[in-house]
Amino acid sequence: MKNIVIWLGILFFPLGIYLLYKWKKKRDAVKEENQRQETKVYVNTILPEVSNANYKFENLLHYESGYFNNNKLKAWQLDVGPIYSKLGTPKVDVLHIESEKLSAITTLKTNYEQSEKIRTERNEAFMQHELKECDHLFSNIDNACLDEQQRLAIVRDEDNNLVRAGAGSGKTTTMAGKVTYLIERLRVKPDEILLITFTKKASDEMKEGIKQK
């Protein structure tokens, strides 16, 4: 009798292990599906924020928005960071959501992860566009035709811009060109522009140069 019990145990033990394995696998599948559905609902709730973030980024890429400087990018990243973090955990590509919604999410992730590269490429194209559009303007600044370096110094509008050049190389003329560009091209109000020099003589020269233009 004892031997029969042992043999029955040997025979049914693998079956029990198999049934337990199947039960756990089914339970995990149900749990995973429930989590997927919950995540899908969650992702759908933040899609308006995703679309709005993409819209803001696209506006920064338009030439009408001017130079895409670092300050603009950091402000966008600060605003979008929490949304990006929410999308970092779920594997949205396996949620089986509509292609349009998935595309919006993918676009946001790409914009956020490659924002610096996109900004650099956009600004290179923007500066070339501005050089072409403002050729006539830059050809007559304080009775001078600006060279390429001066023109690039004017259209580049990073948070901080350092122009290093020797005496008599045209720094004051470049500043006059910058003021002209801001007012005539970007429609900046004159009283929103502040120019500071180290000496009164330099200040007078700059005033005269800008007044002549």
C-alpha atoms as a PDB file:
ATOM      1  CA  MET A   1       0.000   0.000   0.000  1.00  0.00           C
ATOM      2  CA  LYS A   2       2.821   2.335   0.893  1.00  0.00           C
ATOM      3  CA  ASN A   3       4.517   1.652  -2.422  1.00  0.00           C
ATOM      4  CA  ILE A   4       1.288   2.455  -4.280  1.00  0.00           C
ATOM      5  CA  VAL A   5       1.034   5.805  -2.520  1.00  0.00           C
ATOM      6  CA  ILE A   6       4.653   6.604  -3.407  1.00  0.00           C
ATOM      7  CA  TRP A   7       4.113   5.708  -7.034  1.00  0.00           C
ATOM      8  CA  LEU A   8       0.925   7.776  -7.175  1.00  0.00           C
ATOM      9  CA  GLY A   9       2.842  10.724  -5.731  1.00  0.00           C
ATOM     10  CA  ILE A  10       5.574  10.298  -8.315  1.00  0.00           C
ATOM     11  CA  LEU A  11       3.006  10.151 -11.110  1.00  0.00           C
ATOM     12  CA  PHE A  12       0.856  13.092 -10.043  1.00  0.00           C
ATOM     13  CA  PHE A  13       3.608  15.426  -8.760  1.00  0.00           C
ATOM     14  CA  PRO A  14       4.651  16.606 -12.289  1.00  0.00           C
ATOM     15  CA  LEU A  15       0.976  17.053 -13.159  1.00  0.00           C
ATOM     16  CA  GLY A  16       0.502  19.217 -10.071  1.00  0.00           C
ATOM     17  CA  ILE A  17       3.547  21.282 -10.954  1.00  0.00           C
ATOM     18  CA  TYR A  18       2.251  21.721 -14.506  1.00  0.00           C
ATOM     19  CA  LEU A  19      -1.227  22.762 -13.329  1.00  0.00           C
ATOM     20  CA  LEU A  20       0.297  25.203 -10.856  1.00  0.00           C
ATOM     21  CA  TYR A  21       2.471  26.659 -13.634  1.00  0.00           C
ATOM     22  CA  LYS A  22      -0.554  27.085 -15.929  1.00  0.00           C
ATOM     23  CA  TRP A  23      -2.543  28.735 -13.154  1.00  0.00           C
ATOM     24  CA  LYS A  24       0.252  31.211 -12.356  1.00  0.00           C
ATOM     25  CA  LYS A  25       0.764  31.984 -16.044  1.00  0.00           C
ATOM     26  CA  LYS A  26      -2.953  32.690 -16.488  1.00  0.00           C
ATOM     27  CA  ARG A  27      -3.011  34.828 -13.367  1.00  0.00           C
ATOM     28  CA  ASP A  28       0.006  36.851 -14.548  1.00  0.00           C
ATOM     29  CA  ALA A  29      -1.569  37.302 -17.991  1.00  0.00           C
ATOM     30  CA  VAL A  30      -4.768  38.655 -16.414  1.00  0.00           C
ATOM     31  CA  LYS A  31      -2.751  40.952 -14.165  1.00  0.00           C
ATOM     32  CA  GLU A  32      -0.686  42.202 -17.109  1.00  0.00           C
ATOM     33  CA  GLU A  33      -3.808  42.841 -19.187  1.00  0.00           C
ATOM     34  CA  ASN A  34      -5.419  44.764 -16.330  1.00  0.00           C
ATOM     35  CA  GLN A  35      -2.287  46.895 -15.979  1.00  0.00           C
ATOM     36  CA  ARG A  36      -2.229  47.474 -19.734  1.00  0.00           C
ATOM     37  CA  GLN A  37      -5.829  48.659 -19.702  1.00  0.00           C
ATOM     38  CA  GLU A  38      -5.185  50.940 -16.733  1.00  0.00           C
ATOM     39  CA  THR A  39      -2.117  52.382 -18.451  1.00  0.00           C
ATOM     40  CA  LYS A  40      -4.060  52.874 -21.664  1.00  0.00           C
ATOM     41  CA  VAL A  41      -6.723  54.864 -19.836  1.00  0.00           C
ATOM     42  CA  TYR A  42      -4.016  56.864 -18.061  1.00  0.00           C
ATOM     43  CA  VAL A  43      -2.159  57.666 -21.296  1.00  0.00           C
ATOM     44  CA  ASN A  44      -5.393  58.761 -22.953  1.00  0.00           C
ATOM     45  CA  THR A  45      -6.016  61.240 -20.132  1.00  0.00           C
ATOM     46  CA  ILE A  46      -2.716  63.074 -20.712  1.00  0.00           C
ATOM     47  CA  LEU A  47      -2.927  63.128 -24.526  1.00  0.00           C
ATOM     48  CA  PRO A  48      -4.266  66.732 -24.551  1.00  0.00           C
ATOM     49  CA  GLU A  49      -1.127  67.777 -22.650  1.00  0.00           C
ATOM     50  CA  VAL A  50       1.024  65.873 -25.136  1.00  0.00           C
ATOM     51  CA  SER A  51      -0.622  67.567 -28.107  1.00  0.00           C
ATOM     52  CA  ASN A  52      -0.260  70.986 -26.495  1.00  0.00           C
ATOM     53  CA  ALA A  53       3.430  70.373 -25.795  1.00  0.00           C
ATOM     54  CA  ASN A  54       4.017  69.351 -29.421  1.00  0.00           C
ATOM     55  CA  TYR A  55       2.162  72.450 -30.606  1.00  0.00           C
ATOM     56  CA  LYS A  56       4.370  74.726 -28.501  1.00  0.00           C
ATOM     57  CA  PHE A  57       7.532  73.062 -29.798  1.00  0.00           C
ATOM     58  CA  GLU A  58       6.403  73.379 -33.405  1.00  0.00           C
ATOM     59  CA  ASN A  59       5.795  77.093 -32.844  1.00  0.00           C
ATOM     60  CA  LEU A  60       9.379  77.468 -31.632  1.00  0.00           C
ATOM     61  CA  LEU A  61      10.563  76.006 -34.934  1.00  0.00           C
ATOM     62  CA  HIS A  62       8.711  78.569 -37.042  1.00  0.00           C
ATOM     63  CA  TYR A  63      10.950  81.327 -38.376  1.00  0.00           C
ATOM     64  CA  GLU A  64       8.375  83.880 -37.224  1.00  0.00           C
ATOM     65  CA  SER A  65       9.307  82.966 -33.637  1.00  0.00           C
ATOM     66  CA  GLY A  66      12.834  84.256 -34.185  1.00  0.00           C
ATOM     67  CA  TYR A  67      16.051  82.622 -33.056  1.00  0.00           C
ATOM     68  CA  PHE A  68      15.452  79.464 -31.005  1.00  0.00           C
ATOM     69  CA  ASN A  69      17.731  80.303 -28.102  1.00  0.00           C
ATOM     70  CA  ASN A  70      18.627  78.179 -25.092  1.00  0.00           C
ATOM     71  CA  ASN A  71      16.295  80.093 -22.781  1.00  0.00           C
ATOM     72  CA  LYS A  72      13.277  79.219 -24.949  1.00  0.00           C
ATOM     73  CA  LEU A  73      14.297  75.551 -24.995  1.00  0.00           C
ATOM     74  CA  LYS A  74      14.803  75.355 -21.221  1.00  0.00           C
ATOM     75  CA  ALA A  75      11.405  76.966 -20.615  1.00  0.00           C
ATOM     76  CA  TRP A  76       9.776  74.369 -22.893  1.00  0.00           C
ATOM     77  CA  GLN A  77      11.647  71.490 -21.259  1.00  0.00           C
ATOM     78  CA  LEU A  78      10.673  72.711 -17.794  1.00  0.00           C
ATOM     79  CA  ASP A  79       7.033  72.824 -18.846  1.00  0.00           C
ATOM     80  CA  VAL A  80       7.085  69.459 -20.632  1.00  0.00           C
ATOM     81  CA  GLY A  81       9.379  67.541 -18.264  1.00  0.00           C
ATOM     82  CA  PRO A  82       6.597  66.208 -15.997  1.00  0.00           C
ATOM     83  CA  ILE A  83       4.599  65.030 -19.027  1.00  0.00           C
ATOM     84  CA  TYR A  84       7.646  63.290 -20.490  1.00  0.00           C
ATOM     85  CA  SER A  85       8.270  61.563 -17.154  1.00  0.00           C
ATOM     86  CA  LYS A  86       4.723  60.239 -17.144  1.00  0.00           C
ATOM     87  CA  LEU A  87       5.297  58.701 -20.563  1.00  0.00           C
ATOM     88  CA  GLY A  88       8.627  57.191 -19.602  1.00  0.00           C
ATOM     89  CA  THR A  89       7.270  54.261 -17.588  1.00  0.00           C
ATOM     90  CA  PRO A  90       4.525  52.671 -19.720  1.00  0.00           C
ATOM     91  CA  LYS A  91       5.487  50.945 -22.955  1.00  0.00           C
ATOM     92  CA  VAL A  92       3.039  52.899 -25.041  1.00  0.00           C
ATOM     93  CA  ASP A  93       3.906  50.990 -28.205  1.00  0.00           C
ATOM     94  CA  VAL A  94       2.192  47.863 -26.821  1.00  0.00           C
ATOM     95  CA  LEU A  95      -0.951  49.601 -25.616  1.00  0.00           C
ATOM     96  CA  HIS A  96      -2.726  49.202 -28.965  1.00  0.00           C
ATOM     97  CA  ILE A  97      -3.867  52.815 -29.058  1.00  0.00           C
ATOM     98  CA  GLU A  98      -4.812  54.679 -32.226  1.00  0.00           C
ATOM     99  CA  SER A  99      -1.934  55.458 -34.601  1.00  0.00           C
ATOM    100  CA  GLU A 100      -2.615  59.212 -34.401  1.00  0.00           C
ATOM    101  CA  LYS A 101      -2.306  59.215 -30.631  1.00  0.00           C
ATOM    102  CA  LEU A 102       0.778  57.002 -30.715  1.00  0.00           C
ATOM    103  CA  SER A 103       2.340  59.373 -33.247  1.00  0.00           C
ATOM    104  CA  ALA A 104       1.749  62.345 -30.923  1.00  0.00           C
ATOM    105  CA  ILE A 105       3.454  60.521 -28.060  1.00  0.00           C
ATOM    106  CA  THR A 106       6.374  59.457 -30.238  1.00  0.00           C
ATOM    107  CA  THR A 107       6.772  63.031 -31.483  1.00  0.00           C
ATOM    108  CA  LEU A 108       6.894  64.397 -27.946  1.00  0.00           C
ATOM    109  CA  LYS A 109       9.528  61.864 -26.892  1.00  0.00           C
ATOM    110  CA  THR A 110      11.639  62.648 -29.951  1.00  0.00           C
ATOM    111  CA  ASN A 111      11.342  66.402 -29.423  1.00  0.00           C
ATOM    112  CA  TYR A 112      12.319  66.085 -25.762  1.00  0.00           C
ATOM    113  CA  GLU A 113      15.181  63.615 -26.182  1.00  0.00           C
ATOM    114  CA  GLN A 114      16.670  65.280 -29.275  1.00  0.00           C
ATOM    115  CA  SER A 115      15.664  68.870 -28.531  1.00  0.00           C
ATOM    116  CA  GLU A 116      19.208  70.255 -28.529  1.00  0.00           C
ATOM    117  CA  LYS A 117      20.040  68.645 -31.871  1.00  0.00           C
ATOM    118  CA  ILE A 118      16.760  69.871 -33.371  1.00  0.00           C
ATOM    119  CA  ARG A 119      17.372  73.377 -32.002  1.00  0.00           C
ATOM    120  CA  THR A 120      20.901  73.518 -33.437  1.00  0.00           C
ATOM    121  CA  GLU A 121      19.824  72.384 -36.898  1.00  0.00           C
ATOM    122  CA  ARG A 122      16.867  74.752 -36.915  1.00  0.00           C
ATOM    123  CA  ASN A 123      19.006  77.737 -35.909  1.00  0.00           C
ATOM    124  CA  GLU A 124      21.564  77.018 -38.634  1.00  0.00           C
ATOM    125  CA  ALA A 125      18.771  77.068 -41.210  1.00  0.00           C
ATOM    126  CA  PHE A 126      17.200  80.146 -39.582  1.00  0.00           C
ATOM    127  CA  MET A 127      20.424  82.167 -39.701  1.00  0.00           C
ATOM    128  CA  GLN A 128      20.952  81.371 -43.371  1.00  0.00           C
ATOM    129  CA  HIS A 129      17.351  82.422 -44.006  1.00  0.00           C
ATOM    130  CA  GLU A 130      17.840  85.708 -42.138  1.00  0.00           C
ATOM    131  CA  LEU A 131      21.106  86.471 -43.926  1.00  0.00           C
ATOM    132  CA  LYS A 132      19.310  86.138 -47.235  1.00  0.00           C
ATOM    133  CA  GLU A 133      16.191  88.054 -46.194  1.00  0.00           C
ATOM    134  CA  CYS A 134      18.166  90.899 -44.599  1.00  0.00           C
ATOM    135  CA  ASP A 135      20.907  91.246 -47.179  1.00  0.00           C
ATOM    136  CA  HIS A 136      19.761  94.733 -48.195  1.00  0.00           C
ATOM    137  CA  LEU A 137      19.497  95.813 -44.549  1.00  0.00           C
ATOM    138  CA  PHE A 138      22.997  94.548 -43.671  1.00  0.00           C
ATOM    139  CA  SER A 139      24.505  96.125 -46.773  1.00  0.00           C
ATOM    140  CA  ASN A 140      23.875  99.647 -45.450  1.00  0.00           C
ATOM    141  CA  ILE A 141      24.605  99.955 -41.742  1.00  0.00           C
ATOM    142  CA  ASP A 142      26.203 103.288 -40.820  1.00  0.00           C
ATOM    143  CA  ASN A 143      27.203 103.657 -44.480  1.00  0.00           C
ATOM    144  CA  ALA A 144      28.980 100.314 -44.343  1.00  0.00           C
ATOM    145  CA  CYS A 145      28.366  96.879 -45.811  1.00  0.00           C
ATOM    146  CA  LEU A 146      28.705  94.297 -43.052  1.00  0.00           C
ATOM    147  CA  ASP A 147      30.799  91.197 -43.633  1.00  0.00           C
ATOM    148  CA  GLU A 148      29.537  87.660 -42.954  1.00  0.00           C
ATOM    149  CA  GLN A 149      30.898  87.463 -39.395  1.00  0.00           C
ATOM    150  CA  GLN A 150      29.203  90.726 -38.467  1.00  0.00           C
ATOM    151  CA  ARG A 151      25.935  89.572 -39.985  1.00  0.00           C
ATOM    152  CA  LEU A 152      26.049  86.253 -38.135  1.00  0.00           C
ATOM    153  CA  ALA A 153      26.776  88.092 -34.882  1.00  0.00           C
ATOM    154  CA  ILE A 154      23.612  90.105 -35.441  1.00  0.00           C
ATOM    155  CA  VAL A 155      21.158  87.320 -36.338  1.00  0.00           C
ATOM    156  CA  ARG A 156      22.480  84.899 -33.704  1.00  0.00           C
ATOM    157  CA  ASP A 157      20.417  85.583 -30.597  1.00  0.00           C
ATOM    158  CA  GLU A 158      21.586  83.185 -27.909  1.00  0.00           C
ATOM    159  CA  ASP A 159      21.032  83.972 -24.225  1.00  0.00           C
ATOM    160  CA  ASN A 160      24.562  85.410 -24.150  1.00  0.00           C
ATOM    161  CA  ASN A 161      26.635  86.398 -27.167  1.00  0.00           C
ATOM    162  CA  LEU A 162      30.322  87.297 -27.017  1.00  0.00           C
ATOM    163  CA  VAL A 163      31.901  89.154 -29.936  1.00  0.00           C
ATOM    164  CA  ARG A 164      35.694  89.308 -29.731  1.00  0.00           C
ATOM    165  CA  ALA A 165      37.471  91.651 -32.166  1.00  0.00           C
ATOM    166  CA  GLY A 166      40.289  94.164 -32.214  1.00  0.00           C
ATOM    167  CA  ALA A 167      40.078  97.955 -32.259  1.00  0.00           C
ATOM    168  CA  GLY A 168      38.632  99.436 -35.428  1.00  0.00           C
ATOM    169  CA  SER A 169      37.276  96.083 -36.635  1.00  0.00           C
ATOM    170  CA  GLY A 170      33.642  97.253 -36.678  1.00  0.00           C
ATOM    171  CA  LYS A 171      32.218  96.288 -33.283  1.00  0.00           C
ATOM    172  CA  THR A 172      30.288  99.548 -32.917  1.00  0.00           C
ATOM    173  CA  THR A 173      28.965  99.206 -36.452  1.00  0.00           C
ATOM    174  CA  THR A 174      27.876  95.672 -35.598  1.00  0.00           C
ATOM    175  CA  MET A 175      26.030  96.972 -32.533  1.00  0.00           C
ATOM    176  CA  ALA A 176      24.305  99.589 -34.692  1.00  0.00           C
ATOM    177  CA  GLY A 177      23.351  96.774 -37.053  1.00  0.00           C
ATOM    178  CA  LYS A 178      21.993  94.730 -34.154  1.00  0.00           C
ATOM    179  CA  VAL A 179      19.772  97.602 -33.028  1.00  0.00           C
ATOM    180  CA  THR A 180      18.560  98.160 -36.587  1.00  0.00           C
ATOM    181  CA  TYR A 181      17.820  94.438 -36.982  1.00  0.00           C
ATOM    182  CA  LEU A 182      15.908  94.287 -33.694  1.00  0.00           C
ATOM    183  CA  ILE A 183      13.752  97.292 -34.542  1.00  0.00           C
ATOM    184  CA  GLU A 184      13.130  96.870 -38.257  1.00  0.00           C
ATOM    185  CA  ARG A 185      13.121  93.078 -38.560  1.00  0.00           C
ATOM    186  CA  LEU A 186      11.957  91.806 -35.169  1.00  0.00           C
ATOM    187  CA  ARG A 187       9.775  94.838 -34.300  1.00  0.00           C
ATOM    188  CA  VAL A 188      11.400  95.337 -30.903  1.00  0.00           C
ATOM    189  CA  LYS A 189      10.512  98.701 -29.349  1.00  0.00           C
ATOM    190  CA  PRO A 190      13.507 101.072 -29.036  1.00  0.00           C
ATOM    191  CA  ASP A 191      12.793 101.703 -25.348  1.00  0.00           C
ATOM    192  CA  GLU A 192      13.181  97.955 -24.710  1.00  0.00           C
ATOM    193  CA  ILE A 193      16.828  98.029 -25.840  1.00  0.00           C
ATOM    194  CA  LEU A 194      19.660  98.887 -23.419  1.00  0.00           C
ATOM    195  CA  LEU A 195      23.208  99.581 -24.650  1.00  0.00           C
ATOM    196  CA  ILE A 196      26.052  99.968 -22.166  1.00  0.00           C
ATOM    197  CA  THR A 197      29.678 100.940 -22.860  1.00  0.00           C
ATOM    198  CA  PHE A 198      32.784 101.259 -20.700  1.00  0.00           C
ATOM    199  CA  THR A 199      33.517 104.886 -21.614  1.00  0.00           C
ATOM    200  CA  LYS A 200      31.578 108.039 -22.452  1.00  0.00           C
ATOM    201  CA  LYS A 201      33.499 108.368 -25.705  1.00  0.00           C
ATOM    202  CA  ALA A 202      32.408 104.903 -26.815  1.00  0.00           C
ATOM    203  CA  SER A 203      28.870 105.712 -25.740  1.00  0.00           C
ATOM    204  CA  ASP A 204      28.835 108.909 -27.815  1.00  0.00           C
ATOM    205  CA  GLU A 205      30.212 107.032 -30.842  1.00  0.00           C
ATOM    206  CA  MET A 206      27.532 104.385 -30.508  1.00  0.00           C
ATOM    207  CA  LYS A 207      24.769 106.976 -30.134  1.00  0.00           C
ATOM    208  CA  GLU A 208      25.984 108.844 -33.203  1.00  0.00           C
ATOM    209  CA  GLY A 209      26.265 105.678 -35.251  1.00  0.00           C
ATOM    210  CA  ILE A 210      22.750 104.573 -34.403  1.00  0.00           C
ATOM    211  CA  LYS A 211      21.283 108.066 -34.914  1.00  0.00           C
ATOM    212  CA  GLN A 212      22.815 108.279 -38.376  1.00  0.00           C
ATOM    213  CA  LYS A 213      21.159 105.003 -39.297  1.00  0.00           C
END
